[in-house]
N, C-alpha and C. Protein backbone atom coordinates (compact mmCIF):
# COMPACT_ATOMS: atom_id res chain seq x y z
N MET A 1 -36.14 -11.36 -20.61
CA MET A 1 -34.82 -11.74 -20.15
C MET A 1 -34.06 -10.48 -19.67
N LYS A 2 -33.45 -10.54 -18.49
CA LYS A 2 -32.70 -9.43 -17.94
C LYS A 2 -31.25 -9.61 -18.31
N VAL A 3 -30.66 -8.49 -18.76
CA VAL A 3 -29.18 -8.53 -19.10
C VAL A 3 -28.41 -8.13 -17.90
N LYS A 4 -27.40 -8.99 -17.57
CA LYS A 4 -26.54 -8.76 -16.47
C LYS A 4 -25.58 -7.61 -16.79
N LYS A 5 -25.35 -6.70 -15.82
CA LYS A 5 -24.40 -5.60 -16.05
C LYS A 5 -22.98 -6.16 -16.24
N ASP A 6 -22.30 -5.65 -17.21
CA ASP A 6 -20.95 -6.05 -17.49
C ASP A 6 -20.03 -4.82 -17.38
N TRP A 7 -19.20 -4.76 -16.34
CA TRP A 7 -18.44 -3.57 -16.07
C TRP A 7 -17.52 -3.19 -17.26
N GLU A 8 -17.10 -4.22 -18.04
CA GLU A 8 -16.25 -3.95 -19.18
C GLU A 8 -16.93 -3.21 -20.26
N SER A 9 -18.24 -3.38 -20.40
CA SER A 9 -19.04 -2.61 -21.40
C SER A 9 -19.03 -1.18 -20.98
N TYR A 10 -19.20 -0.86 -19.72
CA TYR A 10 -19.18 0.50 -19.24
C TYR A 10 -17.77 1.07 -19.41
N CYS A 11 -16.74 0.26 -19.19
CA CYS A 11 -15.36 0.76 -19.36
C CYS A 11 -15.11 1.09 -20.83
N THR A 12 -15.49 0.22 -21.72
CA THR A 12 -15.33 0.48 -23.14
C THR A 12 -16.01 1.76 -23.61
N LEU A 13 -17.23 1.92 -23.08
CA LEU A 13 -17.97 3.13 -23.40
C LEU A 13 -17.29 4.39 -22.85
N ALA A 14 -16.84 4.36 -21.62
CA ALA A 14 -16.11 5.47 -21.04
C ALA A 14 -14.93 5.81 -21.88
N TYR A 15 -14.14 4.81 -22.24
CA TYR A 15 -12.94 4.99 -23.05
C TYR A 15 -13.27 5.67 -24.38
N THR A 16 -14.25 5.20 -25.01
CA THR A 16 -14.74 5.77 -26.29
C THR A 16 -15.17 7.22 -26.15
N ILE A 17 -15.98 7.47 -25.15
CA ILE A 17 -16.46 8.83 -24.92
C ILE A 17 -15.32 9.79 -24.58
N LEU A 18 -14.41 9.38 -23.70
CA LEU A 18 -13.29 10.25 -23.32
C LEU A 18 -12.38 10.54 -24.49
N LYS A 19 -12.15 9.48 -25.35
CA LYS A 19 -11.31 9.72 -26.55
C LYS A 19 -11.93 10.79 -27.44
N SER A 20 -13.27 10.71 -27.59
CA SER A 20 -13.92 11.64 -28.44
C SER A 20 -14.01 13.06 -27.82
N ALA A 21 -13.94 13.14 -26.50
CA ALA A 21 -14.03 14.39 -25.78
C ALA A 21 -12.76 15.11 -25.61
N ILE A 22 -11.63 14.49 -25.93
CA ILE A 22 -10.33 15.10 -25.67
C ILE A 22 -10.18 16.43 -26.31
N LYS A 23 -10.86 16.65 -27.44
CA LYS A 23 -10.70 17.96 -28.14
C LYS A 23 -11.33 19.10 -27.32
N TYR A 24 -12.16 18.78 -26.37
CA TYR A 24 -12.84 19.77 -25.48
C TYR A 24 -12.08 20.01 -24.18
N TRP A 25 -11.12 19.19 -23.88
CA TRP A 25 -10.48 19.21 -22.54
C TRP A 25 -9.86 20.51 -22.14
N GLY A 26 -9.31 21.24 -23.01
CA GLY A 26 -8.67 22.53 -22.69
C GLY A 26 -9.67 23.64 -22.34
N ASN A 27 -10.92 23.40 -22.57
CA ASN A 27 -11.98 24.40 -22.29
C ASN A 27 -12.59 24.09 -20.93
N PRO A 28 -12.33 24.95 -19.92
CA PRO A 28 -12.81 24.65 -18.54
C PRO A 28 -14.32 24.41 -18.39
N SER A 29 -15.09 24.95 -19.36
CA SER A 29 -16.55 24.67 -19.20
C SER A 29 -16.89 23.25 -19.50
N PHE A 30 -15.95 22.44 -20.02
CA PHE A 30 -16.16 21.03 -20.28
C PHE A 30 -15.61 20.12 -19.17
N TYR A 31 -14.80 20.67 -18.23
CA TYR A 31 -14.16 19.84 -17.26
C TYR A 31 -15.16 19.02 -16.48
N ARG A 32 -16.14 19.67 -15.92
CA ARG A 32 -17.11 18.95 -15.07
C ARG A 32 -17.96 17.97 -15.91
N PRO A 33 -18.51 18.36 -17.03
CA PRO A 33 -19.30 17.42 -17.83
C PRO A 33 -18.49 16.14 -18.21
N ILE A 34 -17.27 16.36 -18.57
CA ILE A 34 -16.44 15.21 -18.97
C ILE A 34 -16.11 14.30 -17.75
N THR A 35 -15.76 14.86 -16.66
CA THR A 35 -15.46 14.04 -15.47
C THR A 35 -16.68 13.37 -14.91
N ARG A 36 -17.84 14.00 -15.10
CA ARG A 36 -19.12 13.37 -14.65
C ARG A 36 -19.47 12.16 -15.51
N VAL A 37 -19.17 12.25 -16.79
CA VAL A 37 -19.46 11.07 -17.67
C VAL A 37 -18.67 9.90 -17.16
N PHE A 38 -17.40 10.06 -16.84
CA PHE A 38 -16.58 9.00 -16.30
C PHE A 38 -17.19 8.47 -14.99
N TYR A 39 -17.50 9.40 -14.10
CA TYR A 39 -18.04 8.98 -12.79
C TYR A 39 -19.34 8.17 -13.01
N ILE A 40 -20.22 8.61 -13.89
CA ILE A 40 -21.48 7.90 -14.09
C ILE A 40 -21.29 6.51 -14.63
N THR A 41 -20.31 6.35 -15.56
CA THR A 41 -20.08 4.99 -16.05
C THR A 41 -19.46 4.08 -14.94
N VAL A 42 -18.60 4.62 -14.06
CA VAL A 42 -18.09 3.85 -12.95
C VAL A 42 -19.21 3.51 -11.98
N PHE A 43 -20.02 4.50 -11.66
CA PHE A 43 -21.08 4.28 -10.69
C PHE A 43 -22.15 3.25 -11.24
N ASP A 44 -22.53 3.41 -12.47
CA ASP A 44 -23.59 2.63 -13.03
C ASP A 44 -23.18 1.19 -13.43
N CYS A 45 -21.95 0.87 -13.39
CA CYS A 45 -21.57 -0.47 -13.81
C CYS A 45 -21.83 -1.49 -12.74
N GLY A 46 -22.42 -1.13 -11.61
CA GLY A 46 -22.90 -2.09 -10.68
C GLY A 46 -22.00 -2.47 -9.51
N MET A 47 -20.95 -1.67 -9.19
CA MET A 47 -20.04 -1.92 -8.15
C MET A 47 -19.48 -3.35 -8.16
N PRO A 48 -18.74 -3.67 -9.22
CA PRO A 48 -18.19 -5.06 -9.41
C PRO A 48 -16.98 -5.33 -8.58
N ASN A 49 -16.44 -4.34 -7.92
CA ASN A 49 -15.10 -4.48 -7.31
C ASN A 49 -15.06 -4.04 -5.82
N PRO A 50 -15.90 -4.59 -4.97
CA PRO A 50 -15.88 -4.16 -3.60
C PRO A 50 -14.61 -4.60 -2.93
N THR A 51 -14.03 -3.77 -2.06
CA THR A 51 -12.81 -4.12 -1.37
C THR A 51 -13.07 -5.16 -0.24
N GLY A 52 -14.31 -5.23 0.21
CA GLY A 52 -14.59 -6.11 1.36
C GLY A 52 -14.40 -5.34 2.64
N LEU A 53 -14.09 -4.05 2.56
CA LEU A 53 -13.81 -3.24 3.71
C LEU A 53 -15.08 -2.48 4.12
N ILE A 54 -15.22 -2.26 5.41
CA ILE A 54 -16.36 -1.49 5.94
C ILE A 54 -15.89 -0.66 7.13
N SER A 55 -16.40 0.51 7.24
CA SER A 55 -15.99 1.31 8.42
C SER A 55 -16.67 0.69 9.69
N GLU A 56 -16.07 1.03 10.84
CA GLU A 56 -16.66 0.58 12.10
C GLU A 56 -18.10 1.12 12.28
N ASN A 57 -18.31 2.38 11.94
CA ASN A 57 -19.67 2.93 12.10
C ASN A 57 -20.64 2.28 11.09
N ALA A 58 -20.18 2.00 9.89
CA ALA A 58 -21.08 1.32 8.91
C ALA A 58 -21.34 -0.06 9.38
N LEU A 59 -20.37 -0.74 9.96
CA LEU A 59 -20.58 -2.09 10.44
C LEU A 59 -21.66 -2.09 11.54
N ASN A 60 -21.60 -1.12 12.42
CA ASN A 60 -22.62 -0.98 13.44
C ASN A 60 -24.00 -0.73 12.81
N ASN A 61 -23.99 0.10 11.77
CA ASN A 61 -25.29 0.35 11.03
C ASN A 61 -25.80 -0.93 10.39
N LYS A 62 -24.93 -1.66 9.76
CA LYS A 62 -25.33 -2.92 9.07
C LYS A 62 -25.96 -3.88 10.10
N LEU A 63 -25.28 -4.03 11.25
CA LEU A 63 -25.77 -4.96 12.26
C LEU A 63 -27.09 -4.51 12.84
N ALA A 64 -27.35 -3.22 12.85
CA ALA A 64 -28.58 -2.65 13.36
C ALA A 64 -29.60 -2.47 12.24
N LYS A 65 -29.27 -2.94 10.99
CA LYS A 65 -30.12 -2.85 9.84
C LYS A 65 -30.44 -1.38 9.51
N LYS A 66 -29.42 -0.55 9.65
CA LYS A 66 -29.53 0.87 9.26
C LYS A 66 -28.79 1.12 7.99
N LYS A 67 -28.99 2.27 7.40
CA LYS A 67 -28.44 2.59 6.02
C LYS A 67 -26.92 2.71 6.04
N THR A 68 -26.34 2.24 4.97
CA THR A 68 -24.93 2.39 4.65
C THR A 68 -24.83 2.81 3.19
N VAL A 69 -23.70 3.29 2.79
CA VAL A 69 -23.44 3.63 1.40
C VAL A 69 -22.05 3.07 0.97
N SER A 70 -21.84 3.03 -0.32
CA SER A 70 -20.59 2.58 -0.84
C SER A 70 -19.79 3.78 -1.34
N ASP A 71 -18.55 3.94 -0.82
CA ASP A 71 -17.68 5.04 -1.24
C ASP A 71 -16.65 4.53 -2.22
N HIS A 72 -16.62 5.20 -3.39
CA HIS A 72 -15.58 4.95 -4.40
C HIS A 72 -14.37 5.73 -3.85
N TYR A 73 -13.51 5.08 -3.11
CA TYR A 73 -12.48 5.81 -2.36
C TYR A 73 -11.40 6.42 -3.24
N LEU A 74 -11.35 6.09 -4.51
CA LEU A 74 -10.33 6.72 -5.43
C LEU A 74 -10.87 7.90 -6.19
N SER A 75 -12.08 8.31 -5.94
CA SER A 75 -12.70 9.50 -6.55
C SER A 75 -12.66 9.41 -8.10
N PRO A 76 -13.62 8.76 -8.70
CA PRO A 76 -13.64 8.60 -10.13
C PRO A 76 -13.51 9.92 -10.90
N GLN A 77 -14.08 11.05 -10.48
CA GLN A 77 -13.99 12.28 -11.15
C GLN A 77 -12.51 12.77 -11.19
N PHE A 78 -11.81 12.57 -10.11
CA PHE A 78 -10.42 12.95 -10.09
C PHE A 78 -9.54 12.08 -10.97
N ILE A 79 -9.89 10.81 -10.97
CA ILE A 79 -9.15 9.83 -11.88
C ILE A 79 -9.41 10.28 -13.30
N CYS A 80 -10.60 10.67 -13.63
CA CYS A 80 -10.89 11.18 -15.01
C CYS A 80 -10.04 12.35 -15.30
N ARG A 81 -9.89 13.28 -14.41
CA ARG A 81 -9.10 14.47 -14.64
C ARG A 81 -7.64 14.05 -14.96
N MET A 82 -7.10 13.06 -14.20
CA MET A 82 -5.78 12.58 -14.46
C MET A 82 -5.70 11.91 -15.84
N ILE A 83 -6.71 11.17 -16.19
CA ILE A 83 -6.76 10.50 -17.54
C ILE A 83 -6.76 11.58 -18.65
N MET A 84 -7.56 12.59 -18.50
CA MET A 84 -7.62 13.60 -19.54
C MET A 84 -6.41 14.47 -19.61
N ASP A 85 -5.78 14.77 -18.46
CA ASP A 85 -4.53 15.52 -18.50
C ASP A 85 -3.38 14.66 -18.97
N ASN A 86 -3.53 13.39 -18.99
CA ASN A 86 -2.49 12.45 -19.48
C ASN A 86 -3.08 11.57 -20.56
N SER A 87 -3.82 12.14 -21.46
CA SER A 87 -4.53 11.37 -22.47
C SER A 87 -3.54 10.64 -23.39
N ASN A 88 -2.33 11.18 -23.54
CA ASN A 88 -1.31 10.48 -24.35
C ASN A 88 -0.96 9.13 -23.76
N VAL A 89 -1.21 8.92 -22.44
CA VAL A 89 -0.93 7.66 -21.79
C VAL A 89 -2.19 6.79 -21.76
N TYR A 90 -3.22 7.30 -21.13
CA TYR A 90 -4.41 6.52 -20.79
C TYR A 90 -5.44 6.39 -21.95
N LEU A 91 -5.42 7.30 -22.89
CA LEU A 91 -6.36 7.18 -24.01
C LEU A 91 -5.74 6.66 -25.26
N GLN A 92 -4.45 6.25 -25.16
CA GLN A 92 -3.76 5.59 -26.26
C GLN A 92 -3.54 4.08 -26.00
N ASP A 93 -3.81 3.68 -24.74
CA ASP A 93 -3.60 2.28 -24.38
C ASP A 93 -4.80 1.77 -23.58
N TYR A 94 -5.71 1.02 -24.25
CA TYR A 94 -6.95 0.66 -23.61
C TYR A 94 -6.69 -0.14 -22.34
N ASP A 95 -5.64 -1.01 -22.36
CA ASP A 95 -5.41 -1.88 -21.18
C ASP A 95 -5.03 -0.99 -19.94
N LYS A 96 -4.22 0.03 -20.12
CA LYS A 96 -3.91 0.95 -19.03
C LYS A 96 -5.19 1.65 -18.54
N PHE A 97 -6.03 2.07 -19.50
CA PHE A 97 -7.29 2.71 -19.11
C PHE A 97 -8.18 1.72 -18.34
N LYS A 98 -8.27 0.54 -18.84
CA LYS A 98 -9.11 -0.52 -18.21
C LYS A 98 -8.65 -0.81 -16.81
N ASP A 99 -7.34 -0.89 -16.58
CA ASP A 99 -6.83 -1.14 -15.24
C ASP A 99 -7.24 0.04 -14.30
N LEU A 100 -7.15 1.22 -14.78
CA LEU A 100 -7.47 2.38 -13.95
C LEU A 100 -9.01 2.42 -13.70
N PHE A 101 -9.81 2.15 -14.71
CA PHE A 101 -11.25 2.07 -14.57
C PHE A 101 -11.63 1.04 -13.48
N TRP A 102 -10.99 -0.14 -13.55
CA TRP A 102 -11.29 -1.23 -12.58
C TRP A 102 -10.92 -0.73 -11.17
N LEU A 103 -9.83 -0.10 -10.95
CA LEU A 103 -9.49 0.49 -9.69
C LEU A 103 -10.51 1.51 -9.20
N ALA A 104 -10.99 2.31 -10.12
CA ALA A 104 -11.97 3.31 -9.80
C ALA A 104 -13.32 2.75 -9.34
N THR A 105 -13.57 1.50 -9.66
CA THR A 105 -14.82 0.83 -9.25
C THR A 105 -14.76 0.30 -7.80
N GLN A 106 -13.55 0.34 -7.19
CA GLN A 106 -13.44 -0.18 -5.83
C GLN A 106 -14.24 0.69 -4.85
N THR A 107 -14.88 -0.03 -3.93
CA THR A 107 -15.74 0.65 -2.92
C THR A 107 -15.47 0.15 -1.52
N ILE A 108 -15.75 1.02 -0.60
CA ILE A 108 -15.70 0.71 0.87
C ILE A 108 -17.02 1.12 1.41
N VAL A 109 -17.63 0.28 2.22
CA VAL A 109 -18.92 0.56 2.86
C VAL A 109 -18.71 1.48 4.01
N VAL A 110 -19.45 2.61 4.01
CA VAL A 110 -19.32 3.64 5.05
C VAL A 110 -20.74 4.17 5.36
N THR A 111 -20.81 5.03 6.40
CA THR A 111 -22.07 5.69 6.68
C THR A 111 -22.24 6.86 5.73
N GLN A 112 -23.43 7.38 5.63
CA GLN A 112 -23.63 8.56 4.75
C GLN A 112 -22.84 9.75 5.29
N GLN A 113 -22.77 9.92 6.61
CA GLN A 113 -22.01 11.00 7.19
C GLN A 113 -20.50 10.86 6.84
N GLU A 114 -19.98 9.67 6.92
CA GLU A 114 -18.57 9.47 6.60
C GLU A 114 -18.28 9.76 5.11
N ASN A 115 -19.26 9.34 4.26
CA ASN A 115 -19.14 9.63 2.84
C ASN A 115 -19.14 11.15 2.58
N ASP A 116 -20.03 11.84 3.25
CA ASP A 116 -20.04 13.32 3.12
C ASP A 116 -18.71 13.95 3.64
N ASN A 117 -18.20 13.45 4.74
CA ASN A 117 -16.94 13.95 5.27
C ASN A 117 -15.77 13.65 4.31
N LEU A 118 -15.78 12.49 3.77
CA LEU A 118 -14.73 12.15 2.77
C LEU A 118 -14.80 13.05 1.54
N ALA A 119 -16.00 13.30 1.06
CA ALA A 119 -16.25 14.16 -0.11
C ALA A 119 -15.77 15.61 0.22
N ALA A 120 -15.92 16.02 1.45
CA ALA A 120 -15.57 17.39 1.82
C ALA A 120 -14.01 17.58 1.80
N LEU A 121 -13.27 16.53 1.69
CA LEU A 121 -11.85 16.66 1.62
C LEU A 121 -11.30 17.10 0.25
N THR A 122 -12.23 17.28 -0.70
CA THR A 122 -11.86 17.83 -1.98
C THR A 122 -12.85 18.97 -2.32
N GLU A 123 -12.35 19.91 -3.05
CA GLU A 123 -13.21 21.00 -3.56
C GLU A 123 -13.09 21.01 -5.07
N ASN A 124 -14.23 21.02 -5.76
CA ASN A 124 -14.16 21.00 -7.21
C ASN A 124 -15.33 21.91 -7.68
N ASP A 125 -14.95 23.06 -8.24
CA ASP A 125 -15.96 23.96 -8.72
C ASP A 125 -16.06 23.88 -10.26
N GLY A 126 -15.47 22.85 -10.81
CA GLY A 126 -15.50 22.70 -12.27
C GLY A 126 -14.20 23.19 -12.94
N LEU A 127 -13.62 24.23 -12.35
CA LEU A 127 -12.38 24.79 -12.87
C LEU A 127 -11.22 24.47 -11.88
N ASN A 128 -11.38 24.90 -10.66
CA ASN A 128 -10.37 24.63 -9.62
C ASN A 128 -10.67 23.35 -8.90
N TYR A 129 -9.62 22.64 -8.66
CA TYR A 129 -9.71 21.36 -7.93
C TYR A 129 -8.71 21.45 -6.80
N ASN A 130 -9.19 21.28 -5.57
CA ASN A 130 -8.31 21.32 -4.41
C ASN A 130 -8.46 20.02 -3.60
N VAL A 131 -7.30 19.45 -3.27
CA VAL A 131 -7.27 18.22 -2.42
C VAL A 131 -6.74 18.64 -1.07
N LYS A 132 -7.52 18.41 -0.04
CA LYS A 132 -7.10 18.78 1.30
C LYS A 132 -6.25 17.73 1.98
N VAL A 133 -6.46 16.46 1.62
CA VAL A 133 -5.73 15.36 2.24
C VAL A 133 -5.44 14.34 1.08
N PRO A 134 -4.22 13.82 0.98
CA PRO A 134 -3.92 12.86 -0.08
C PRO A 134 -4.85 11.67 0.02
N THR A 135 -5.16 11.10 -1.13
CA THR A 135 -6.13 10.00 -1.21
C THR A 135 -5.81 8.84 -0.23
N ASP A 136 -4.54 8.48 -0.14
CA ASP A 136 -4.16 7.34 0.72
C ASP A 136 -4.21 7.65 2.20
N LYS A 137 -4.49 8.89 2.55
CA LYS A 137 -4.56 9.28 4.00
C LYS A 137 -5.93 9.73 4.46
N LYS A 138 -6.92 9.77 3.54
CA LYS A 138 -8.25 10.32 3.89
C LYS A 138 -8.91 9.62 5.05
N TYR A 139 -8.92 8.29 4.99
CA TYR A 139 -9.66 7.54 6.02
C TYR A 139 -8.98 7.73 7.35
N ASN A 140 -7.63 7.66 7.39
CA ASN A 140 -6.96 7.86 8.69
C ASN A 140 -7.15 9.28 9.17
N HIS A 141 -7.07 10.25 8.26
CA HIS A 141 -7.29 11.65 8.60
C HIS A 141 -8.62 11.84 9.35
N LEU A 142 -9.66 11.16 8.89
CA LEU A 142 -11.00 11.32 9.49
C LEU A 142 -11.20 10.35 10.69
N GLY A 143 -10.20 9.53 10.96
CA GLY A 143 -10.35 8.58 12.09
C GLY A 143 -11.31 7.41 11.77
N ILE A 144 -11.49 7.11 10.53
CA ILE A 144 -12.35 6.02 10.10
C ILE A 144 -11.62 4.71 10.25
N LYS A 145 -12.15 3.90 11.17
CA LYS A 145 -11.55 2.55 11.39
C LYS A 145 -12.16 1.56 10.45
N LEU A 146 -11.31 0.81 9.84
CA LEU A 146 -11.79 -0.16 8.79
C LEU A 146 -11.83 -1.60 9.36
N TYR A 147 -12.81 -2.31 8.91
CA TYR A 147 -12.96 -3.73 9.21
C TYR A 147 -13.08 -4.53 7.89
N LYS A 148 -12.84 -5.83 7.97
CA LYS A 148 -12.89 -6.61 6.76
C LYS A 148 -13.43 -7.98 7.19
N ARG A 149 -14.26 -8.57 6.31
CA ARG A 149 -14.76 -9.90 6.56
C ARG A 149 -13.64 -10.87 6.34
N PRO A 150 -13.51 -11.86 7.20
CA PRO A 150 -12.42 -12.88 6.97
C PRO A 150 -12.69 -13.64 5.67
N ASP A 151 -11.62 -14.09 5.03
CA ASP A 151 -11.74 -14.83 3.81
C ASP A 151 -12.72 -16.06 3.96
N GLY A 152 -13.51 -16.22 2.94
CA GLY A 152 -14.43 -17.38 3.03
C GLY A 152 -15.76 -17.06 3.67
N THR A 153 -15.98 -15.85 4.15
CA THR A 153 -17.27 -15.52 4.75
C THR A 153 -17.83 -14.31 4.08
N ASN A 154 -19.17 -14.26 4.03
CA ASN A 154 -19.80 -13.05 3.41
C ASN A 154 -20.71 -12.37 4.46
N ARG A 155 -20.51 -12.68 5.69
CA ARG A 155 -21.32 -12.02 6.78
C ARG A 155 -20.52 -10.95 7.45
N TRP A 156 -21.16 -9.75 7.40
CA TRP A 156 -20.45 -8.62 8.09
C TRP A 156 -20.25 -8.87 9.59
N ALA A 157 -21.12 -9.61 10.17
CA ALA A 157 -21.01 -9.88 11.64
C ALA A 157 -19.69 -10.53 11.99
N ASN A 158 -19.01 -11.16 11.05
CA ASN A 158 -17.73 -11.80 11.29
C ASN A 158 -16.54 -10.90 11.03
N SER A 159 -16.81 -9.63 10.75
CA SER A 159 -15.75 -8.70 10.40
C SER A 159 -14.75 -8.49 11.54
N VAL A 160 -13.49 -8.25 11.17
CA VAL A 160 -12.41 -8.01 12.13
C VAL A 160 -11.70 -6.71 11.73
N PRO A 161 -11.19 -6.02 12.76
CA PRO A 161 -10.43 -4.74 12.43
C PRO A 161 -9.18 -5.04 11.58
N VAL A 162 -8.87 -4.03 10.74
CA VAL A 162 -7.68 -4.17 9.90
C VAL A 162 -6.76 -2.97 10.20
N ASP A 163 -6.19 -2.96 11.36
CA ASP A 163 -5.28 -1.90 11.75
C ASP A 163 -4.12 -1.81 10.85
N GLY A 164 -3.75 -0.58 10.46
CA GLY A 164 -2.64 -0.37 9.57
C GLY A 164 -2.86 -0.72 8.11
N TYR A 165 -4.10 -0.94 7.77
CA TYR A 165 -4.40 -1.36 6.39
C TYR A 165 -4.04 -0.24 5.41
N LYS A 166 -3.40 -0.53 4.34
CA LYS A 166 -3.04 0.45 3.29
C LYS A 166 -3.97 0.25 2.14
N LEU A 167 -4.70 1.32 1.80
CA LEU A 167 -5.58 1.28 0.64
C LEU A 167 -4.72 1.23 -0.62
N GLU A 168 -5.19 0.48 -1.65
CA GLU A 168 -4.47 0.41 -2.91
C GLU A 168 -4.75 1.71 -3.69
N VAL A 169 -3.66 2.49 -3.82
CA VAL A 169 -3.74 3.76 -4.49
C VAL A 169 -2.56 3.78 -5.49
N PRO A 170 -2.82 3.91 -6.79
CA PRO A 170 -1.75 3.92 -7.80
C PRO A 170 -0.78 5.07 -7.49
N GLU A 171 0.47 4.78 -7.62
CA GLU A 171 1.52 5.78 -7.33
C GLU A 171 1.41 6.97 -8.26
N GLU A 172 0.97 6.69 -9.58
CA GLU A 172 0.82 7.80 -10.51
C GLU A 172 -0.35 8.74 -10.07
N LEU A 173 -1.34 8.20 -9.39
CA LEU A 173 -2.42 9.08 -8.89
C LEU A 173 -1.93 9.95 -7.76
N LEU A 174 -1.16 9.36 -6.86
CA LEU A 174 -0.63 10.16 -5.74
C LEU A 174 0.33 11.23 -6.26
N ASP A 175 1.15 10.94 -7.28
CA ASP A 175 2.06 11.92 -7.89
C ASP A 175 1.26 13.00 -8.55
N TYR A 176 0.28 12.63 -9.30
CA TYR A 176 -0.57 13.60 -10.05
C TYR A 176 -1.32 14.52 -9.03
N GLU A 177 -1.78 13.94 -7.93
CA GLU A 177 -2.56 14.64 -6.94
C GLU A 177 -1.79 15.77 -6.26
N LYS A 178 -0.48 15.62 -6.17
CA LYS A 178 0.39 16.61 -5.47
C LYS A 178 0.13 18.04 -5.92
N GLN A 179 -0.09 18.28 -7.19
CA GLN A 179 -0.27 19.61 -7.72
C GLN A 179 -1.55 20.23 -7.28
N PHE A 180 -2.48 19.44 -6.66
CA PHE A 180 -3.75 19.91 -6.26
C PHE A 180 -3.88 20.03 -4.72
N LEU A 181 -2.84 19.56 -4.01
CA LEU A 181 -2.85 19.65 -2.54
C LEU A 181 -2.81 21.05 -2.06
N VAL A 182 -3.64 21.38 -1.10
CA VAL A 182 -3.65 22.69 -0.47
C VAL A 182 -3.12 22.56 0.93
N ASP A 183 -2.44 23.58 1.32
CA ASP A 183 -1.81 23.62 2.64
C ASP A 183 -2.87 23.70 3.73
N GLN A 184 -2.87 22.78 4.65
CA GLN A 184 -3.87 22.72 5.71
C GLN A 184 -3.34 23.22 7.06
N SER A 185 -2.20 23.92 7.07
CA SER A 185 -1.61 24.34 8.35
C SER A 185 -2.33 25.58 8.88
């Protein structure tokens, strides 16, 4: 018998691990290992929360039966950093943590090159974290045009452009992110 992945089990495990790891958070040598644990639980829970969005280039790849990848557009490692820096909020209230974990599982289908370009908009050496473009502006910054399947269909061939679409980004994430923004002028 095969057991179906349950994202909430991964969420509960991530919560438990991060609560136990909080005592290490002030030590920079633990920043990357702790944020990777969160990322791995988000990644391994089976992508339960697709946005239904796809980039124009990925749509062309799909139709040509070429490779695409799923981008966690909210950067789970950065979300973990926010959680750990605000453990008094997110590690004291499981429901708040669960809501954030669920948002972290959201994905957008993109090409591998687009995923690499999106990843390059942040720098993380384990100690220093630099954000070159705010999360809610990354796709526009790179000129990535988004498409969405109309409601009621699961075929990418029926996708339509979503001009002016605003990605769901929690305000507290955008506020937290400001301290990591680097001047791009």
